[in-house]
């Protein structure tokens, strides 16, 4: 049987290694470990290892704390110590920059609200009246009677509510107010001491603590830029606008989703303007001191990135899909912007996913 030494963890959460002229993706492994391949599925340019034996283990390996780990497809890194996970995510992002020939003398800062008991937003499938996630690499489902990543009160509410649901249901909870959705049409979230309303079908981060970290970063950069006005692209229900206007910064939000626009108007109470339109349709923007952009997975794209470059000297770009952030960075760098800071925010512990924040300025790279 083939033996493979794991070189590193890649963006899909697998370990990667090479042997006999072949590339192997091996789930549930760690850098430096040696595996004996028992069975592997041939993909286009690699072999996905479906069964393996560990014959050399890393000191960073730990016993997973969730009994569904390895069956449920949600988590892929729980076998790694949490500090090791954070180092992996930093390495994945740094490698992504290198692969795109972006050589910057900036060390990404990793920030985390913690590992377990935090998430207050989750999608479950109702399987015979019980909450279920999809199985690993399958469209089938597995019933879940615990999820340590979720706030425990939130999970209890899901268990009680899900017998009334059918198919996939998006659940949301506020640990500060006790509001629960879909039971309620509007849910109140508390972020860094501020309460805001979120309507059904409106986006919010996976935890209020994670949202608080993002708001703190945005406000730090707004104050550093001494911005008097700001544009909040893909503003949702007004999370960032709420904090910007509180500091006297004249803010305009752009959002297309109807429920979010209504929530924005309610949350800001006339302190900021909301423009109901798809930001991707913009042709230009008025000059502004700061642009905060939190686009969907597709990222900003070259056109919108160029429009932002033409209207401001300061940008905070928040991305849930790091490859698209890195792609768009090329436009900003070509337009004379420098990267002041990179942040990796670990809103999704035990998975390979993470949020990235790039702070850009045309004035200085320091």
Protein backbone atom coordinates (compact mmCIF):
# COMPACT_ATOMS: atom_id res chain seq x y z
CA UNK A 1 0.00 0.00 0.00
CA UNK A 2 1.13 3.56 -0.75
CA UNK A 3 2.54 5.66 2.09
CA UNK A 4 2.09 9.42 1.95
CA UNK A 5 3.61 12.13 4.14
CA UNK A 6 1.26 15.09 4.61
CA UNK A 7 2.97 18.31 3.58
CA UNK A 8 0.30 20.85 4.54
CA UNK A 9 -3.43 21.46 4.91
CA UNK A 10 -5.10 23.03 1.90
CA UNK A 11 -8.22 25.17 1.53
CA UNK A 12 -10.66 22.24 1.38
CA UNK A 13 -9.45 21.02 4.79
CA UNK A 14 -7.57 18.00 3.42
CA UNK A 15 -3.95 17.23 3.92
CA UNK A 16 -1.96 17.08 0.68
CA UNK A 17 0.94 14.76 -0.06
CA UNK A 18 2.74 13.16 -2.97
CA UNK A 19 3.91 9.63 -3.62
CA UNK A 20 4.65 7.51 -6.70
CA UNK A 21 4.22 10.57 -8.90
CA UNK A 22 0.65 11.08 -7.68
CA UNK A 23 -1.07 13.79 -5.64
CA UNK A 24 -3.19 12.67 -2.69
CA UNK A 25 -5.84 14.61 -0.76
CA UNK A 26 -6.23 13.00 2.65
CA UNK A 27 -8.99 14.23 5.00
CA UNK A 28 -8.60 14.29 8.79
CA UNK A 29 -4.81 14.52 8.69
CA UNK A 30 -2.20 17.03 9.88
CA UNK A 31 1.12 18.31 8.49
CA UNK A 32 3.97 15.91 9.09
CA UNK A 33 1.76 12.86 9.55
CA UNK A 34 2.32 9.69 7.51
CA UNK A 35 -0.62 7.70 6.21
CA UNK A 36 -0.95 4.35 4.52
CA UNK A 37 -3.54 4.64 1.76
CA UNK A 38 -6.13 1.84 1.81
CA UNK A 39 -8.51 3.17 -0.85
CA UNK A 40 -8.61 6.29 -2.99
CA UNK A 41 -10.95 7.76 -5.58
CA UNK A 42 -9.37 9.12 -8.76
CA UNK A 43 -10.39 12.71 -9.45
CA UNK A 44 -9.24 14.89 -12.37
CA UNK A 45 -5.75 15.70 -11.11
CA UNK A 46 -5.50 13.98 -7.73
CA UNK A 47 -6.57 11.00 -5.67
CA UNK A 48 -9.06 11.56 -2.84
CA UNK A 49 -8.23 9.11 -0.07
CA UNK A 50 -11.40 7.50 1.24
CA UNK A 51 -9.73 5.18 3.76
CA UNK A 52 -6.29 5.34 5.34
CA UNK A 53 -4.24 4.20 8.30
CA UNK A 54 -2.22 6.65 10.36
CA UNK A 55 1.32 5.39 10.92
CA UNK A 56 2.83 8.63 12.18
CA UNK A 57 0.85 11.26 14.09
CA UNK A 58 1.33 14.94 14.84
CA UNK A 59 1.57 16.30 18.40
CA UNK A 60 -1.13 18.76 17.33
CA UNK A 61 -3.66 15.94 16.94
CA UNK A 62 -6.44 15.77 19.54
CA UNK A 63 -9.53 13.67 20.17
CA UNK A 64 -12.57 15.29 18.48
CA UNK A 65 -15.14 16.48 21.00
CA UNK A 66 -18.20 15.92 18.77
CA UNK A 67 -19.54 12.37 18.46
CA UNK A 68 -20.80 13.12 14.94
CA UNK A 69 -17.34 14.13 13.69
CA UNK A 70 -16.33 12.22 10.59
CA UNK A 71 -19.95 11.34 9.80
CA UNK A 72 -21.43 14.82 9.56
CA UNK A 73 -19.91 16.84 6.75
CA UNK A 74 -19.84 20.14 8.63
CA UNK A 75 -16.47 20.00 10.40
CA UNK A 76 -13.18 18.86 8.88
CA UNK A 77 -10.51 20.15 11.30
CA UNK A 78 -11.75 19.13 14.73
CA UNK A 79 -8.97 16.56 15.04
CA UNK A 80 -6.48 19.46 15.18
CA UNK A 81 -5.84 21.54 18.29
CA UNK A 82 -7.48 24.93 17.99
CA UNK A 83 -4.19 26.90 17.95
CA UNK A 84 -3.03 24.61 15.15
CA UNK A 85 -6.23 25.34 13.19
CA UNK A 86 -5.56 29.07 13.39
CA UNK A 87 -2.00 28.59 12.14
CA UNK A 88 -3.30 26.45 9.28
CA UNK A 89 -5.75 29.11 8.17
CA UNK A 90 -3.05 31.75 8.24
CA UNK A 91 -0.81 29.47 6.16
CA UNK A 92 -3.63 28.80 3.66
CA UNK A 93 -4.20 32.53 3.18
CA UNK A 94 -0.48 33.31 2.90
CA UNK A 95 -0.10 30.55 0.30
CA UNK A 96 -3.04 31.99 -1.64
CA UNK A 97 -1.28 35.35 -1.80
CA UNK A 98 1.95 33.71 -3.01
CA UNK A 99 0.12 31.70 -5.66
CA UNK A 100 -1.27 34.97 -7.03
CA UNK A 101 2.15 36.68 -7.03
CA UNK A 102 1.08 39.13 -4.33
CA UNK A 103 4.25 39.65 -2.31
CA UNK A 104 3.49 41.92 0.63
CA UNK A 105 5.53 42.47 3.76
CA UNK A 106 2.42 42.13 5.94
CA UNK A 107 1.75 39.43 8.48
CA UNK A 108 -1.98 38.59 8.60
CA UNK A 109 -3.44 39.01 12.09
CA UNK A 110 -5.65 36.12 13.22
CA UNK A 111 -8.61 37.03 15.42
CA UNK A 112 -11.11 34.64 16.97
CA UNK A 113 -14.14 35.00 19.24
CA UNK A 114 -13.53 31.42 20.46
CA UNK A 115 -14.17 27.87 19.30
CA UNK A 116 -17.37 26.40 20.74
CA UNK A 117 -20.85 27.46 21.83
CA UNK A 118 -20.88 30.66 19.76
CA UNK A 119 -22.77 30.18 16.51
CA UNK A 120 -26.31 31.55 16.47
CA UNK A 121 -27.07 31.01 12.78
CA UNK A 122 -27.43 27.56 11.21
CA UNK A 123 -29.32 25.67 8.52
CA UNK A 124 -30.80 22.26 9.39
CA UNK A 125 -32.81 19.70 7.49
CA UNK A 126 -35.86 18.29 9.23
CA UNK A 127 -35.43 14.51 9.14
CA UNK A 128 -38.34 12.69 10.79
CA UNK A 129 -38.80 15.68 13.08
CA UNK A 130 -35.13 15.75 14.12
CA UNK A 131 -32.36 18.20 13.10
CA UNK A 132 -30.02 16.79 10.46
CA UNK A 133 -26.89 17.88 8.61
CA UNK A 134 -25.62 16.44 5.35
CA UNK A 135 -23.26 13.51 5.60
CA UNK A 136 -19.63 13.89 4.60
CA UNK A 137 -19.31 14.01 0.77
CA UNK A 138 -22.95 13.03 0.35
CA UNK A 139 -26.38 14.48 -0.37
CA UNK A 140 -27.81 12.19 2.31
CA UNK A 141 -28.53 13.39 5.84
CA UNK A 142 -27.49 12.35 9.33
CA UNK A 143 -29.55 13.18 12.42
CA UNK A 144 -27.80 15.41 14.94
CA UNK A 145 -28.58 15.39 18.66
CA UNK A 146 -25.84 17.87 19.57
CA UNK A 147 -23.63 20.46 17.85
CA UNK A 148 -20.94 21.87 20.16
CA UNK A 149 -20.24 24.79 17.83
CA UNK A 150 -23.74 26.21 18.31
CA UNK A 151 -24.90 28.16 21.32
CA UNK A 152 -26.46 25.41 23.49
CA UNK A 153 -29.71 27.31 24.12
CA UNK A 154 -29.97 27.92 20.38
CA UNK A 155 -29.66 24.19 19.66
CA UNK A 156 -32.29 23.36 22.27
CA UNK A 157 -34.70 25.76 20.59
CA UNK A 158 -33.99 24.15 17.21
CA UNK A 159 -34.73 20.69 18.60
CA UNK A 160 -38.08 21.90 19.96
CA UNK A 161 -39.01 23.81 16.81
CA UNK A 162 -37.89 21.55 13.98
CA UNK A 163 -40.77 19.03 14.16
CA UNK A 164 -42.90 21.86 12.70
CA UNK A 165 -40.54 22.33 9.73
CA UNK A 166 -40.07 20.57 6.41
CA UNK A 167 -36.87 20.33 4.37
CA UNK A 168 -34.08 22.87 4.87
CA UNK A 169 -34.74 25.65 7.38
CA UNK A 170 -32.54 28.61 8.29
CA UNK A 171 -32.50 29.13 12.06
CA UNK A 172 -31.29 32.24 13.86
CA UNK A 173 -31.06 33.19 17.51
CA UNK A 174 -29.97 36.10 19.68
CA UNK A 175 -28.35 35.00 22.92
CA UNK A 176 -28.71 38.51 24.28
CA UNK A 177 -32.43 38.99 23.66
CA UNK A 178 -33.60 35.36 23.38
CA UNK A 179 -35.31 36.03 20.04
CA UNK A 180 -35.56 32.97 17.80
CA UNK A 181 -36.21 32.65 14.10
CA UNK A 182 -38.19 31.28 12.21
CA UNK A 183 -40.53 31.55 15.19
CA UNK A 184 -40.31 35.34 14.90
CA UNK A 185 -40.39 37.46 11.75
CA UNK A 186 -37.94 39.98 13.20
CA UNK A 187 -35.06 39.19 15.49
CA UNK A 188 -33.07 41.62 17.64
CA UNK A 189 -29.30 41.21 17.70
CA UNK A 190 -26.93 42.89 20.13
CA UNK A 191 -23.46 43.80 18.86
CA UNK A 192 -20.92 45.66 20.98
CA UNK A 193 -23.73 47.08 23.09
CA UNK A 194 -25.94 48.16 20.18
CA UNK A 195 -29.23 46.44 19.40
CA UNK A 196 -30.45 46.08 15.83
CA UNK A 197 -33.31 44.32 14.06
CA UNK A 198 -32.82 41.55 11.52
CA UNK A 199 -35.78 40.47 9.41
CA UNK A 200 -36.31 36.99 8.07
CA UNK A 201 -34.17 36.29 4.98
CA UNK A 202 -31.73 39.07 5.92
CA UNK A 203 -28.07 38.18 6.29
CA UNK A 204 -26.17 38.30 9.56
CA UNK A 205 -22.82 36.89 10.65
CA UNK A 206 -22.61 33.47 12.29
CA UNK A 207 -22.32 34.95 15.79
CA UNK A 208 -22.84 38.27 17.50
CA UNK A 209 -19.32 38.08 18.92
CA UNK A 210 -17.90 37.64 15.43
CA UNK A 211 -19.95 40.57 14.15
CA UNK A 212 -18.58 42.63 17.04
CA UNK A 213 -15.00 41.90 16.00
CA UNK A 214 -15.76 43.08 12.47
CA UNK A 215 -17.39 46.28 13.69
CA UNK A 216 -14.41 47.05 15.91
CA UNK A 217 -12.03 46.64 12.97
CA UNK A 218 -14.17 48.82 10.71
CA UNK A 219 -14.39 51.58 13.30
CA UNK A 220 -10.66 51.45 14.01
CA UNK A 221 -9.95 52.09 10.34
CA UNK A 222 -12.68 54.74 10.00
CA UNK A 223 -11.10 56.67 12.85
CA UNK A 224 -7.58 56.20 11.44
CA UNK A 225 -8.77 57.52 8.08
CA UNK A 226 -10.51 60.46 9.79
CA UNK A 227 -13.44 59.82 7.48
CA UNK A 228 -16.26 62.36 7.50
CA UNK A 229 -18.43 60.33 5.15
CA UNK A 230 -18.61 56.68 4.12
CA UNK A 231 -20.24 54.26 1.71
CA UNK A 232 -21.44 50.92 3.05
CA UNK A 233 -21.72 48.49 0.10
CA UNK A 234 -23.85 45.36 0.52
CA UNK A 235 -24.89 46.95 3.79
CA UNK A 236 -27.55 44.42 4.77
CA UNK A 237 -29.51 45.55 7.79
CA UNK A 238 -27.01 48.29 8.63
CA UNK A 239 -24.53 46.65 10.98
CA UNK A 240 -21.53 48.79 10.01
CA UNK A 241 -23.60 51.89 9.23
CA UNK A 242 -24.96 51.82 12.78
CA UNK A 243 -21.48 52.27 14.23
CA UNK A 244 -20.26 54.69 11.56
CA UNK A 245 -23.17 57.09 12.06
CA UNK A 246 -22.77 56.87 15.82
CA UNK A 247 -19.36 58.53 15.34
CA UNK A 248 -20.88 61.29 13.24
CA UNK A 249 -19.78 59.84 9.90
CA UNK A 250 -22.31 60.58 7.15
CA UNK A 251 -23.07 57.17 5.67
CA UNK A 252 -24.88 55.85 2.60
CA UNK A 253 -25.77 52.17 2.37
CA UNK A 254 -26.38 50.18 -0.80
CA UNK A 255 -28.52 47.04 -0.62
CA UNK A 256 -30.92 45.22 -2.95
CA UNK A 257 -32.66 42.77 -0.61
CA UNK A 258 -36.05 44.18 0.38
CA UNK A 259 -36.19 42.87 3.95
CA UNK A 260 -32.68 44.14 4.67
CA UNK A 261 -33.53 47.61 3.30
CA UNK A 262 -36.53 47.82 5.64
CA UNK A 263 -34.41 46.73 8.59
CA UNK A 264 -31.71 49.25 7.63
CA UNK A 265 -34.21 52.11 7.69
CA UNK A 266 -35.54 50.96 11.07
CA UNK A 267 -32.11 50.46 12.61
CA UNK A 268 -30.66 53.75 11.42
CA UNK A 269 -33.77 55.83 12.07
CA UNK A 270 -33.00 58.36 9.35
CA UNK A 271 -29.36 58.82 10.41
CA UNK A 272 -28.14 57.29 7.14
CA UNK A 273 -29.40 57.04 3.58
CA UNK A 274 -30.24 53.66 2.09
CA UNK A 275 -30.09 53.21 -1.69
CA UNK A 276 -32.03 50.18 -2.86
CA UNK A 277 -30.00 48.80 -5.73
CA UNK A 278 -27.60 46.02 -6.59
CA UNK A 279 -24.12 47.41 -5.96
CA UNK A 280 -22.83 45.36 -8.90
CA UNK A 281 -24.92 47.63 -11.14
CA UNK A 282 -23.14 50.80 -10.04
CA UNK A 283 -21.41 52.86 -12.73
CA UNK A 284 -19.84 55.40 -10.37
CA UNK A 285 -19.78 56.57 -6.76
CA UNK A 286 -19.46 60.05 -5.31
CA UNK A 287 -16.17 60.87 -3.60
CA UNK A 288 -16.13 59.57 -0.04
CA UNK A 289 -13.69 59.23 2.83
CA UNK A 290 -14.19 55.49 3.29
CA UNK A 291 -15.79 52.53 1.54
CA UNK A 292 -16.78 49.49 3.58
CA UNK A 293 -17.59 46.51 1.36
CA UNK A 294 -18.90 43.14 2.53
CA UNK A 295 -19.95 41.44 -0.73
CA UNK A 296 -21.32 37.92 -1.19
CA UNK A 297 -19.05 35.02 -2.11
CA UNK A 298 -18.51 36.34 -5.64
CA UNK A 299 -16.46 39.22 -4.24
CA UNK A 300 -16.38 42.71 -5.71
CA UNK A 301 -15.13 41.87 -9.19
CA UNK A 302 -12.93 44.05 -11.39
CA UNK A 303 -15.61 46.58 -12.37
CA UNK A 304 -16.83 47.41 -8.87
CA UNK A 305 -13.30 47.34 -7.47
CA UNK A 306 -12.32 49.94 -10.07
CA UNK A 307 -15.31 52.13 -9.21
CA UNK A 308 -14.33 52.03 -5.53
CA UNK A 309 -10.74 52.95 -6.39
CA UNK A 310 -11.98 56.06 -8.21
CA UNK A 311 -14.08 57.37 -5.32
CA UNK A 312 -12.00 56.96 -2.17
CA UNK A 313 -8.57 56.68 -0.59
CA UNK A 314 -9.60 54.20 2.11
CA UNK A 315 -11.27 50.79 1.84
CA UNK A 316 -12.21 48.03 4.27
CA UNK A 317 -12.92 44.92 2.20
CA UNK A 318 -14.54 42.01 4.08
CA UNK A 319 -14.65 38.68 2.26
CA UNK A 320 -16.03 35.23 3.03
CA UNK A 321 -14.31 33.75 -0.05
CA UNK A 322 -10.57 34.55 0.26
CA UNK A 323 -9.63 33.59 -3.35
CA UNK A 324 -11.98 36.28 -4.67
CA UNK A 325 -10.58 38.87 -2.28
CA UNK A 326 -7.07 38.06 -3.51
CA UNK A 327 -8.26 38.28 -7.13
CA UNK A 328 -9.72 41.74 -6.50
CA UNK A 329 -6.60 42.92 -4.67
CA UNK A 330 -4.82 42.97 -8.00
CA UNK A 331 -7.15 45.73 -9.19
CA UNK A 332 -6.58 47.81 -6.05
CA UNK A 333 -2.80 47.38 -6.18
CA UNK A 334 -2.74 48.31 -9.88
CA UNK A 335 -4.69 51.49 -9.02
CA UNK A 336 -2.09 52.63 -6.49
CA UNK A 337 -3.57 51.23 -3.29
CA UNK A 338 -1.47 49.60 -0.58
CA UNK A 339 -2.53 46.97 1.92
CA UNK A 340 -2.26 48.36 5.43
CA UNK A 341 -3.56 45.31 7.29
CA UNK A 342 -4.83 41.79 6.69
CA UNK A 343 -7.08 40.13 9.25
CA UNK A 344 -8.25 36.55 9.36
CA UNK A 345 -11.39 36.22 11.49
CA UNK A 346 -12.18 32.67 12.49
CA UNK A 347 -15.96 32.68 12.46
CA UNK A 348 -16.07 29.00 11.48
CA UNK A 349 -13.87 26.99 13.87
CA UNK A 350 -13.20 23.33 13.08
CA UNK A 351 -13.86 23.96 9.39
CA UNK A 352 -11.44 25.23 6.71
CA UNK A 353 -13.57 28.36 6.21
CA UNK A 354 -12.69 31.82 7.50
CA UNK A 355 -13.41 35.49 6.88
CA UNK A 356 -10.72 37.84 5.65
CA UNK A 357 -10.48 41.60 5.98
CA UNK A 358 -8.18 43.73 3.87
CA UNK A 359 -7.59 47.33 4.91
CA UNK A 360 -6.48 49.35 1.89
CA UNK A 361 -5.23 52.89 1.52
CA UNK A 362 -3.78 54.95 -1.31
CA UNK A 363 -1.68 56.90 1.19
CA UNK A 364 0.60 54.39 2.89
CA UNK A 365 1.35 50.71 3.11
CA UNK A 366 2.34 50.89 6.76
